[in-house]
Amino acid sequence: MKKLLLASALLTSSALMPAFAADYVIDTKGAHASINFKASHMGFSVLAGRFNKFSGNFSYDKDNITAAKISVTIDTSSFDSNHAKRDKHVRSDDFLDVSKYAQATFVSTKVEDKGNGKLAINGNFTMHGVTKPLVINAVKVGEGSDPWGGYRAGFNGTATIAMGDFGFKKDFGKVDLELHIEGIRK
């Protein structure tokens, strides 16, 4: 009887203990993450590309989504639109000015659970020396054990920035960001 009461007490107390978020590193080494962009090309077509180098971490607990946090650092010199001459121009001081602003960062400030795996990730986005609030509309793709003995969680997200907000010499309007983030639990 004492064993049954002790077991019951342990189960009850562990059920009342708060769950803690797991920490993840974004899997850029395995190429299971990407930061892509699309922008109008003078109103004639759409320019698409990606940033090839970035890193980041996030914490996530499916039972306490609002406690989630994410931090991402982008190497702005890794801008890649699949056209060397254009990439050089975008990296110049007309746009990204990578010699002066080598990184862009996003740090979350609040995560809102929108239901059905949808999230609004509020944060501060810093690029070209300017910090602006940014909301990433995200959706959880899934989570679980991987074949290598680890545990992963993945999300997709979209956001839009206005080039004029970041003080570029040239402003071609809005840039749509598309994010695919898969993290490996630490």
Protein backbone atom coordinates (compact mmCIF):
# COMPACT_ATOMS: atom_id res chain seq x y z
CA MET A 1 0.00 0.00 0.00
CA LYS A 2 2.88 2.38 0.85
CA LYS A 3 4.46 1.67 -2.56
CA LEU A 4 1.17 2.44 -4.30
CA LEU A 5 0.81 5.73 -2.41
CA LEU A 6 4.44 6.68 -3.12
CA ALA A 7 4.06 5.87 -6.82
CA SER A 8 0.83 7.85 -6.95
CA ALA A 9 2.48 10.83 -5.24
CA LEU A 10 5.43 10.75 -7.65
CA LEU A 11 3.17 10.58 -10.70
CA THR A 12 1.00 13.40 -9.43
CA SER A 13 3.93 15.67 -8.58
CA SER A 14 5.66 15.04 -11.91
CA ALA A 15 2.43 15.79 -13.75
CA LEU A 16 2.23 19.14 -11.97
CA MET A 17 5.83 20.07 -12.72
CA PRO A 18 6.16 22.51 -15.60
CA ALA A 19 7.43 21.21 -18.93
CA PHE A 20 10.59 22.83 -20.21
CA ALA A 21 11.32 23.88 -23.75
CA ALA A 22 13.85 21.87 -25.67
CA ASP A 23 16.73 23.73 -27.30
CA TYR A 24 17.51 23.17 -30.98
CA VAL A 25 20.28 24.21 -33.34
CA ILE A 26 19.18 25.00 -36.89
CA ASP A 27 20.50 22.28 -39.21
CA THR A 28 22.45 24.25 -41.80
CA LYS A 29 25.26 21.67 -41.98
CA GLY A 30 22.87 19.02 -43.27
CA ALA A 31 21.24 21.57 -45.60
CA HIS A 32 17.88 21.02 -43.90
CA ALA A 33 17.15 24.74 -43.64
CA SER A 34 16.99 27.67 -46.04
CA ILE A 35 16.31 31.39 -46.13
CA ASN A 36 14.91 32.36 -49.52
CA PHE A 37 13.68 35.65 -50.95
CA LYS A 38 11.57 36.98 -53.81
CA ALA A 39 11.36 40.56 -55.04
CA SER A 40 9.97 42.34 -58.03
CA HIS A 41 12.55 42.98 -60.72
CA MET A 42 11.56 46.45 -61.93
CA GLY A 43 7.96 45.29 -62.29
CA PHE A 44 8.85 42.97 -65.17
CA SER A 45 9.49 39.71 -63.37
CA VAL A 46 10.37 38.19 -60.03
CA LEU A 47 13.92 37.90 -58.77
CA ALA A 48 14.40 34.88 -56.51
CA GLY A 49 17.34 33.70 -54.48
CA ARG A 50 18.64 32.76 -51.07
CA PHE A 51 21.21 33.41 -48.38
CA ASN A 52 23.63 30.49 -48.41
CA LYS A 53 25.15 31.04 -44.96
CA PHE A 54 23.23 31.50 -41.74
CA SER A 55 23.03 30.00 -38.28
CA GLY A 56 20.64 29.98 -35.40
CA ASN A 57 18.96 28.35 -32.46
CA PHE A 58 15.46 28.01 -31.14
CA SER A 59 13.67 26.65 -28.12
CA TYR A 60 10.30 24.99 -28.45
CA ASP A 61 7.83 23.19 -26.20
CA LYS A 62 4.63 22.01 -27.87
CA ASP A 63 2.85 22.31 -24.49
CA ASN A 64 3.95 25.93 -23.98
CA ILE A 65 4.30 27.43 -27.45
CA THR A 66 4.27 31.04 -26.25
CA ALA A 67 7.57 30.42 -24.43
CA ALA A 68 9.32 29.60 -27.72
CA LYS A 69 12.32 31.67 -28.77
CA ILE A 70 14.37 31.92 -31.96
CA SER A 71 17.58 33.68 -32.92
CA VAL A 72 19.04 33.69 -36.45
CA THR A 73 22.17 35.33 -37.87
CA ILE A 74 22.54 35.71 -41.66
CA ASP A 75 25.86 36.23 -43.43
CA THR A 76 24.79 38.98 -45.87
CA SER A 77 27.76 38.28 -48.17
CA SER A 78 26.15 34.90 -48.93
CA PHE A 79 23.38 36.63 -50.95
CA ASP A 80 22.83 34.43 -54.02
CA SER A 81 20.47 35.20 -56.90
CA ASN A 82 22.27 32.83 -59.30
CA HIS A 83 23.81 35.75 -61.22
CA ALA A 84 27.33 36.82 -60.19
CA LYS A 85 27.18 40.40 -61.54
CA ARG A 86 23.82 41.11 -59.88
CA ASP A 87 24.97 39.48 -56.62
CA LYS A 88 28.03 41.74 -56.57
CA HIS A 89 25.78 44.79 -57.07
CA VAL A 90 23.34 43.76 -54.32
CA ARG A 91 26.28 43.18 -51.95
CA SER A 92 27.59 46.70 -52.73
CA ASP A 93 26.78 49.87 -50.79
CA ASP A 94 23.73 50.45 -53.05
CA PHE A 95 21.98 47.68 -51.11
CA LEU A 96 23.34 45.32 -48.44
CA ASP A 97 26.77 47.01 -48.08
CA VAL A 98 28.27 43.76 -46.81
CA SER A 99 31.68 45.32 -46.15
CA LYS A 100 30.04 47.49 -43.48
CA TYR A 101 27.05 45.29 -42.46
CA ALA A 102 28.29 41.71 -42.60
CA GLN A 103 25.29 40.28 -40.74
CA ALA A 104 21.55 40.53 -40.50
CA THR A 105 19.82 39.16 -37.40
CA PHE A 106 16.38 38.17 -36.19
CA VAL A 107 15.64 37.76 -32.48
CA SER A 108 12.14 36.82 -31.38
CA THR A 109 10.36 38.85 -28.71
CA LYS A 110 7.03 37.00 -28.56
CA VAL A 111 5.46 33.89 -30.09
CA GLU A 112 1.72 33.67 -30.53
CA ASP A 113 -0.09 30.34 -30.91
CA LYS A 114 -2.64 30.79 -33.71
CA GLY A 115 -3.90 27.18 -33.45
CA ASN A 116 -3.57 24.20 -35.79
CA GLY A 117 0.24 24.47 -35.78
CA LYS A 118 0.22 28.11 -36.92
CA LEU A 119 2.40 30.66 -35.14
CA ALA A 120 3.04 34.40 -35.30
CA ILE A 121 6.68 34.92 -34.40
CA ASN A 122 7.24 38.55 -33.43
CA GLY A 123 10.75 39.88 -33.22
CA ASN A 124 13.38 42.41 -34.16
CA PHE A 125 15.04 42.17 -37.55
CA THR A 126 18.30 44.06 -37.99
CA MET A 127 19.75 44.63 -41.45
CA HIS A 128 21.94 47.37 -42.88
CA GLY A 129 22.35 48.81 -39.38
CA VAL A 130 18.60 49.34 -38.89
CA THR A 131 16.36 47.37 -36.53
CA LYS A 132 12.65 47.02 -37.30
CA PRO A 133 9.90 44.83 -35.85
CA LEU A 134 9.05 41.82 -38.01
CA VAL A 135 6.34 39.17 -37.79
CA ILE A 136 7.03 35.75 -39.27
CA ASN A 137 3.88 33.79 -40.04
CA ALA A 138 4.97 30.24 -39.38
CA VAL A 139 3.53 26.75 -39.43
CA LYS A 140 4.89 23.71 -37.66
CA VAL A 141 5.79 20.99 -40.18
CA GLY A 142 6.50 18.26 -37.65
CA GLU A 143 8.76 16.86 -34.97
CA GLY A 144 10.12 13.49 -33.97
CA SER A 145 13.04 11.10 -33.83
CA ASP A 146 15.37 10.96 -36.81
CA PRO A 147 17.16 7.87 -38.20
CA TRP A 148 20.47 8.92 -36.59
CA GLY A 149 19.30 8.84 -32.98
CA GLY A 150 18.47 12.53 -32.69
CA TYR A 151 15.25 14.46 -32.37
CA ARG A 152 14.14 17.19 -34.80
CA ALA A 153 11.47 19.85 -35.18
CA GLY A 154 10.68 21.76 -38.35
CA PHE A 155 8.81 24.92 -39.30
CA ASN A 156 8.09 26.96 -42.43
CA GLY A 157 7.53 30.69 -42.33
CA THR A 158 6.94 33.78 -44.43
CA ALA A 159 7.49 37.48 -43.85
CA THR A 160 7.70 40.64 -45.93
CA ILE A 161 10.13 43.51 -45.50
CA ALA A 162 10.20 46.90 -47.22
CA MET A 163 13.63 47.78 -48.57
CA GLY A 164 12.97 51.46 -47.83
CA ASP A 165 12.73 50.68 -44.11
CA PHE A 166 16.40 49.68 -44.01
CA GLY A 167 18.09 52.72 -45.57
CA PHE A 168 19.33 51.21 -48.83
CA LYS A 169 20.53 53.74 -51.43
CA LYS A 170 18.30 51.97 -53.96
CA ASP A 171 14.79 50.87 -53.11
CA PHE A 172 12.87 48.43 -55.29
CA GLY A 173 10.01 47.93 -52.86
CA LYS A 174 9.08 44.86 -50.89
CA VAL A 175 10.98 41.60 -50.42
CA ASP A 176 9.15 38.40 -49.52
CA LEU A 177 11.07 36.02 -47.27
CA GLU A 178 10.42 32.28 -47.19
CA LEU A 179 11.99 30.33 -44.34
CA HIS A 180 12.39 26.58 -43.94
CA ILE A 181 13.85 25.75 -40.54
CA GLU A 182 14.68 22.28 -39.23
CA GLY A 183 16.33 22.07 -35.86
CA ILE A 184 18.23 19.27 -34.12
CA ARG A 185 17.57 19.04 -30.40
CA LYS A 186 20.75 19.70 -28.38
